[in-house]
Each structure stands twice: as structure tokens, then as C-alpha cells.
């Protein structure tokens, strides 16, 4: 970019506007420019500002009629596209709100048509015959001029009729924008940090670095609940093992049509097979789950039958009977040798019952993960001690113990480690010897004692990161060198809430991956904010929240009060985290936010 612009808009996706007076041909130009950009593989988003009333559907169409009938929001959906039309009689949505509404994960560039009075990078479009004045002398946000006459300016000047030239400039702008954004990011975010990562970058770096493997053990079924299957469990039998009836009724033998009368020659009960083959015109009373007699072609439900003196008639037409109806075939649910429970599946009550139904008594699972935890700091005391001046009771180990227990880990408590290199080194060596993962809390912020970094670097490879999030910005991650495997290490912040949030975001995915659940992701959904939620552009914000379903059946969410990193009460009252993305300037009442449920994780 040729100049640094202080934009009033913010977006994680590069954006560029086109400013011009009415009649200059902004839309026509974009109609020609966009195909050039998409042909190069770019995914383009467009925001258009209209100064007049407009309809996106034709008069007479269903959506038009329903909106005119009084719908304040009209959602149209089809196989090819969807659109939400919202009536805004009180106030027009801002350009920033429109930017926030776009799916930035699927865009490379956003083009904005209009909003020429806002401060953001724009190309001025000008045609001499329109008779309007130049915009650039009064707007420092113009980055280039596209016109059919020469302008008295040092800005880059383009031919408004030369789409190839305009395309080249946009590509150059995009490259410069990304480069400048990276430079600004490095300079402005944290000068003391060797890295400043987004939440997703940090999570990806951590998961991609994992090399530790966990041994498999065979456990009896009653001990295997909540464990992760180590290898595909193959079914030793067909399920069902034999052709059986799907309901109570009559098994019949019929060739092409329904006989007026069927002779009942016996009964088949669950667990007992009727030993004789059926002949055409014969039937057998049969119970749900009972083996179907040989030659049976269908089972007719009892409610459609009338039996008198061992003769049964059916209240239906011949074309209502289909070959094989109400008969469950052997191996229909699960064939012998097929995968019954896939590797990496966490065994719930349903899986446990299914495994038992196959006659299996032992299952191969990844052994429980062993996790060593400790807190650091001379100011930290164990609960139960007489509190010293300027000291705090340790809550972090207890929170971590609860989080790890929910994940079925074996916890090794190394206690509170004093501020000395020797004590820390001994704790890390013991953790590396006995555990699959080590977690500490405290001692990773800028300005903490140098011995922590010295000790960690001496024993392994550690990265001290600043994560672009709140709470939980400081994080240390790496490995402690040990045999036979290097042991992953997490150094979490010292603030109690930050410990829990960083655990949920970074440590839990690692533990689940070590357990064999490599594709696990935390559940999320969207809810409507019922209060203004604090946020700051440029970082991911996590607020403790409480969501509920309102009287319209819609999900709503609000915070649990004060959001300081040391206020554990706000976490105990929460049933979710409210995630506000870095590109969101602020969350107002009625805005949609991402909610991360906490049930079963705390």
C-alpha cells in the first residue's frame, strides 16, 4: 500500500472500496473486475451501499409478499443460495456490522461499493463527462484513481476502462495489504514476545508437534467405560445372527399373491426356532426376535390378522405384502468381520452395551493418560495452611485435577514448587519420568523469574508464546527430553480463570489426541447476546456465560458478571464460554455470538 491509512473499519480479510458519484458506473466496473479476480482463484465478498429503498426479490414472489405482509425478518433458502432480509426502520446497519456478518474463513478479499465518506482504503472512480468534482483532494483514504482523464495527483492513476490494469492494481494492493498487516501485527501486539499467535495458530502448532504414543491395554468391559478404543473392534458374529421377525405377528409362505386363508401350523417364540419348513398357504405365529421359519416370505403384524380355529386371514390386499417385509436378515445390522467400534472411539454406555451384545468380554483401549501437575511461586500456599502475608491459596492444581479427572486421566500431583531452579528442575524430571504430559501454572508471563526459562531450555525445547486472546495470553509449550519418549509440557498462566480457559482451548485437544481421538473438536453453537459484551478488535475474547432457551425456542446468552481473570466464581456459575472473534469491534444486544458449552468438561 502506498500510504498508511487509519481505517475506521476492521476486518481479518483485506478489503478495498470503490468511491464515486452516482452515474460513474461502479457496479458495471465491478461486474467486469470480479470475474478477473475469481478466475485467479480469489474468493471475493462484496458489500454494496444503496441510498434508496430496494428489494432483492421481484414483486409477486412469495418472499416479497410475506415481507410486505409484515415479516421483520425473511429468510429465503434454496439448493443454490440463501438470503436473510431484515427490515431496519429504526437505523441502518453500519458497514462494520456488515463486515462482521461475512464468513471471513471463506474469503480472500472484500470489495465495498459505496460508503465513500468512511475512513478506509478506496479507489476513486471518475468520469469527466459526469461533471462531478474529484474526491481525492478531500479524502486521505484514496489509494488510487481510476479515471478517463489525467488527475493532478501523485497517487497511482489507472484507466477506468482498462479492467486488466485495474485487476493488476488490486492484486498488488492485496499483496501489500497482507505484508503491511503482518508487519503491523509484529510491531504493535507485544514487543517483548518472540511470537504472538492466534488461538487457531497455537492450537494447530501444538497438535502438529505431537509425537508421543500411548500403549494399549486390554480391559474387562466394566472397566472400559469412557476409555478410547485402541484398534478397530471387529464383530465376531453376524448381528442379527439369524433371520428374525421384526414384530409380533404371523410368518407366512406365499408365492405370488395372498391366500384367502392360511393354515396356522405352530408358533415360534423368541429364543426358540420352529423346526419345520413352511409350504405355500401355511403360517406360523411368531414373536418379535424369534427365528423366521424356513421358506417364510414375510411377517404380517398381528393387528392385521384374524385367527379362528387355526386358520388366519389378513385384512389387506395382495399388493400390500412385499417379499421379506418385517424380516430382519442375518448380518443386516452388522456383518461378521465388520468394524463394530472404530479405533479412536470413546466407549460410552451405548458402545459398552453393543460390545457385550457381540459376546466380547475384553476390549483393547489406550491406557489412561498420566498427567503430572504442579503450581509455581513462593507466594502460593496449600489450602489448610495458615495464610501468610502477601500469599494466596493454590486453586489452580485443584481446578486442573477436576478438568483432568473429567477426561479420565491419572493425575500425578507434584505440589507447589518454590521459586528455585533446582526445585523446578527436579519436578520436571520427575514428571518426565512418570507422566505422559506435564502441566504447570504460573511463571510464564513477561517479567517472571529467568530461572524458569533457563531451566526449561536446559531440559528440553520450549516456546514462550503470547496468544492473541483474553484471558490467557501467556503460554509456554514444548517438550521435556526424556526416555523413551519426549514428554509434552504446558506452562499455563497463573490467573485461575486463565488456567481453565487455556486448558480447555489447548490442553484438552492434546489429551484427547493422545487418547486416540484425533479428530475431536469442542462443540459450538450460535446464540443471541442479551447484553453488551466487552471485546477488543485484534484478539479473541472469552467471556464466562450462561445460555438458555427463551420462550420462542431461541438460544440466548449473557455473561456471568465480572470477567476478571482471578474471579473463579464467574466460572463456577457459567455453563459456557462466549467466544468473540478478533474482527468483532463490539458485541451489542441482539448480536449473534459463538457459544462453547462447558457441560461435561468441568
Foldseek 3Di string as FASTA:
>chain_A
DPDDFDFPAFAPAAEEEEDEDPPLCPVVLCVVQVVVVVVVVFAEAEAEDDPDDDDPDDPPDPQNVVVVVPDQWGWDDDPPDIDIDGDDPPDDDDPNVVNVPDDVVRGRYYYYYDPVVGGAAYEYRDEVVVVDDGDCVPHVRYQEYAYCDDDPDPHHYHDSVDSVRVNVVVVVVSVVVVVVVVVCCCPPDDVPAPAEAALVVVQVVFLVPDDDAFDKDKDFLVPQAQAFFAAFDFQQAWVVNAKWFQAWAKFAAADQFDDQKAAEDEEFEAVGADADAHDHRYIYGYHHNTHHHHRGFEGDHHVQWDDDPRMIGGNDGGVVDDGPYRIDGTNNVHHGGDGPDHGLDGHHPVNSVVCVVSVDGMGMFGPAFEEEEEEEEPQEDDPPDDHDPSHDYDPQVVVVVVLSVLSVHHYHYPYYFYPDLVSVLVSVVVCQVPGQAYEYEAQLDPPRDPSVVVSQVVQFDKHWYQYQEPPWGTKMWGWGDDPPDTHIYIYTYHARQNSVVCCVSHVVQVSSVNRRNPPDDFDKDKAFEQAKDDDAAPGKYKAFKAWDADPVRGIYIYFQDDGDSNPCVSVVPGQWIWIDDNSDHIHHGGDMTMIGGCVSSD
